[in-house]
């Protein structure tokens, strides 16, 4: 946390952690995270907060995948990237129809 936030004493500032920000009125959100990601809890908290604020959120948790797994060339990464492409295509197709 020190490397990320430095000397900041209040880690609940939304610039440090968006989960503490005003999440009303956001566009639909896709959160992609691995079940072994160190930020899994942060992603589940963010999904819950977005949903509580009335937002549309889709949380996808990929089994046994580590942090930044989509940047690796694995079957799980390829599946996640395909899911992301489909999610985006569905949103763009719906918006332009």
C-alpha atoms as a PDB file:
ATOM      1  CA  UNK A   1       0.000   0.000   0.000  1.00  0.00           C
ATOM      2  CA  UNK A   2       2.883   2.352   0.765  1.00  0.00           C
ATOM      3  CA  UNK A   3       4.198   2.006  -2.801  1.00  0.00           C
ATOM      4  CA  UNK A   4       0.733   2.805  -4.205  1.00  0.00           C
ATOM      5  CA  UNK A   5      -0.568   5.491  -1.843  1.00  0.00           C
ATOM      6  CA  UNK A   6       2.681   6.884  -0.468  1.00  0.00           C
ATOM      7  CA  UNK A   7       2.354   9.103   2.559  1.00  0.00           C
ATOM      8  CA  UNK A   8      -1.438   9.550   2.319  1.00  0.00           C
ATOM      9  CA  UNK A   9      -2.929   9.018   5.758  1.00  0.00           C
ATOM     10  CA  UNK A  10      -6.597   8.742   4.729  1.00  0.00           C
ATOM     11  CA  UNK A  11      -6.864   5.752   2.437  1.00  0.00           C
ATOM     12  CA  UNK A  12     -10.633   6.278   2.048  1.00  0.00           C
ATOM     13  CA  UNK A  13     -10.121   9.199  -0.343  1.00  0.00           C
ATOM     14  CA  UNK A  14     -11.789   8.245  -3.630  1.00  0.00           C
ATOM     15  CA  UNK A  15      -8.662   9.170  -5.615  1.00  0.00           C
ATOM     16  CA  UNK A  16      -6.836   6.431  -3.688  1.00  0.00           C
ATOM     17  CA  UNK A  17      -9.706   3.930  -3.578  1.00  0.00           C
ATOM     18  CA  UNK A  18     -12.639   4.507  -5.965  1.00  0.00           C
ATOM     19  CA  UNK A  19     -14.866   2.272  -3.822  1.00  0.00           C
ATOM     20  CA  UNK A  20     -15.258   5.285  -1.496  1.00  0.00           C
ATOM     21  CA  UNK A  21     -16.345   7.656  -4.276  1.00  0.00           C
ATOM     22  CA  UNK A  22     -19.766   8.692  -5.498  1.00  0.00           C
ATOM     23  CA  UNK A  23     -20.744   5.765  -7.705  1.00  0.00           C
ATOM     24  CA  UNK A  24     -24.137   7.028  -8.839  1.00  0.00           C
ATOM     25  CA  UNK A  25     -24.793   7.478 -12.541  1.00  0.00           C
ATOM     26  CA  UNK A  26     -21.944   5.354 -13.849  1.00  0.00           C
ATOM     27  CA  UNK A  27     -22.141   3.528 -17.159  1.00  0.00           C
ATOM     28  CA  UNK A  28     -22.385  -0.285 -16.993  1.00  0.00           C
ATOM     29  CA  UNK A  29     -19.279  -1.820 -15.445  1.00  0.00           C
ATOM     30  CA  UNK A  30     -17.560  -5.147 -16.026  1.00  0.00           C
ATOM     31  CA  UNK A  31     -15.148  -6.253 -13.312  1.00  0.00           C
ATOM     32  CA  UNK A  32     -12.839  -9.137 -14.240  1.00  0.00           C
ATOM     33  CA  UNK A  33     -10.803 -10.702 -11.448  1.00  0.00           C
ATOM     34  CA  UNK A  34      -9.211 -14.000 -10.575  1.00  0.00           C
ATOM     35  CA  UNK A  35     -10.168 -15.941  -7.466  1.00  0.00           C
ATOM     36  CA  UNK A  36      -6.484 -15.857  -6.438  1.00  0.00           C
ATOM     37  CA  UNK A  37      -6.098 -12.118  -7.074  1.00  0.00           C
ATOM     38  CA  UNK A  38      -4.918 -10.085  -4.103  1.00  0.00           C
ATOM     39  CA  UNK A  39      -7.568  -7.510  -5.085  1.00  0.00           C
ATOM     40  CA  UNK A  40     -10.499  -9.947  -5.160  1.00  0.00           C
ATOM     41  CA  UNK A  41     -12.082  -8.478  -2.025  1.00  0.00           C
ATOM     42  CA  UNK A  42     -11.701  -4.951  -3.408  1.00  0.00           C
ATOM     43  CA  UNK A  43     -13.490  -6.010  -6.595  1.00  0.00           C
ATOM     44  CA  UNK A  44     -16.359  -7.662  -4.728  1.00  0.00           C
ATOM     45  CA  UNK A  45     -16.716  -4.582  -2.522  1.00  0.00           C
ATOM     46  CA  UNK A  46     -16.725  -2.322  -5.574  1.00  0.00           C
ATOM     47  CA  UNK A  47     -19.375  -4.470  -7.265  1.00  0.00           C
ATOM     48  CA  UNK A  48     -21.559  -4.307  -4.164  1.00  0.00           C
ATOM     49  CA  UNK A  49     -21.171  -0.528  -3.862  1.00  0.00           C
ATOM     50  CA  UNK A  50     -21.930   0.076  -7.557  1.00  0.00           C
ATOM     51  CA  UNK A  51     -25.012  -2.112  -7.284  1.00  0.00           C
ATOM     52  CA  UNK A  52     -26.143  -0.330  -4.101  1.00  0.00           C
ATOM     53  CA  UNK A  53     -25.779   2.990  -5.945  1.00  0.00           C
ATOM     54  CA  UNK A  54     -28.181   1.705  -8.624  1.00  0.00           C
ATOM     55  CA  UNK A  55     -25.537   0.887 -11.192  1.00  0.00           C
ATOM     56  CA  UNK A  56     -25.306  -2.048 -13.547  1.00  0.00           C
ATOM     57  CA  UNK A  57     -22.303  -4.173 -12.647  1.00  0.00           C
ATOM     58  CA  UNK A  58     -21.160  -7.550 -13.894  1.00  0.00           C
ATOM     59  CA  UNK A  59     -18.522  -9.192 -11.681  1.00  0.00           C
ATOM     60  CA  UNK A  60     -16.699 -12.109 -13.323  1.00  0.00           C
ATOM     61  CA  UNK A  61     -14.442 -14.183 -11.086  1.00  0.00           C
ATOM     62  CA  UNK A  62     -12.142 -16.647 -12.849  1.00  0.00           C
ATOM     63  CA  UNK A  63     -11.075 -19.715 -10.839  1.00  0.00           C
ATOM     64  CA  UNK A  64      -7.530 -19.867  -9.488  1.00  0.00           C
ATOM     65  CA  UNK A  65      -6.457 -16.918 -11.630  1.00  0.00           C
ATOM     66  CA  UNK A  66      -3.889 -14.495 -10.148  1.00  0.00           C
ATOM     67  CA  UNK A  67      -3.653 -10.713 -10.395  1.00  0.00           C
ATOM     68  CA  UNK A  68      -3.273  -9.457 -13.994  1.00  0.00           C
ATOM     69  CA  UNK A  69      -3.989 -12.932 -15.370  1.00  0.00           C
ATOM     70  CA  UNK A  70      -5.453 -11.503 -18.589  1.00  0.00           C
ATOM     71  CA  UNK A  71      -1.980 -10.313 -19.619  1.00  0.00           C
ATOM     72  CA  UNK A  72      -0.664 -13.875 -19.698  1.00  0.00           C
ATOM     73  CA  UNK A  73      -1.090 -16.325 -22.549  1.00  0.00           C
ATOM     74  CA  UNK A  74      -3.159 -18.977 -20.799  1.00  0.00           C
ATOM     75  CA  UNK A  75      -6.449 -20.617 -21.610  1.00  0.00           C
ATOM     76  CA  UNK A  76      -8.105 -18.795 -18.708  1.00  0.00           C
ATOM     77  CA  UNK A  77      -6.810 -15.444 -19.967  1.00  0.00           C
ATOM     78  CA  UNK A  78      -8.065 -16.176 -23.473  1.00  0.00           C
ATOM     79  CA  UNK A  79     -11.485 -17.121 -22.085  1.00  0.00           C
ATOM     80  CA  UNK A  80     -11.645 -13.931 -20.016  1.00  0.00           C
ATOM     81  CA  UNK A  81     -10.586 -11.742 -22.944  1.00  0.00           C
ATOM     82  CA  UNK A  82     -13.246 -13.407 -25.100  1.00  0.00           C
ATOM     83  CA  UNK A  83     -15.840 -12.725 -22.388  1.00  0.00           C
ATOM     84  CA  UNK A  84     -14.736  -9.080 -22.224  1.00  0.00           C
ATOM     85  CA  UNK A  85     -15.018  -8.717 -26.008  1.00  0.00           C
ATOM     86  CA  UNK A  86     -18.511 -10.243 -25.971  1.00  0.00           C
ATOM     87  CA  UNK A  87     -19.597  -8.025 -23.066  1.00  0.00           C
ATOM     88  CA  UNK A  88     -18.389  -4.905 -24.881  1.00  0.00           C
ATOM     89  CA  UNK A  89     -19.856  -5.967 -28.225  1.00  0.00           C
ATOM     90  CA  UNK A  90     -23.204  -6.567 -26.564  1.00  0.00           C
ATOM     91  CA  UNK A  91     -23.159  -3.085 -25.007  1.00  0.00           C
ATOM     92  CA  UNK A  92     -22.095  -1.347 -28.242  1.00  0.00           C
ATOM     93  CA  UNK A  93     -24.585  -3.272 -30.373  1.00  0.00           C
ATOM     94  CA  UNK A  94     -27.427  -2.469 -27.953  1.00  0.00           C
ATOM     95  CA  UNK A  95     -26.438   1.209 -27.780  1.00  0.00           C
ATOM     96  CA  UNK A  96     -26.312   1.627 -31.563  1.00  0.00           C
ATOM     97  CA  UNK A  97     -29.579  -0.238 -32.260  1.00  0.00           C
END
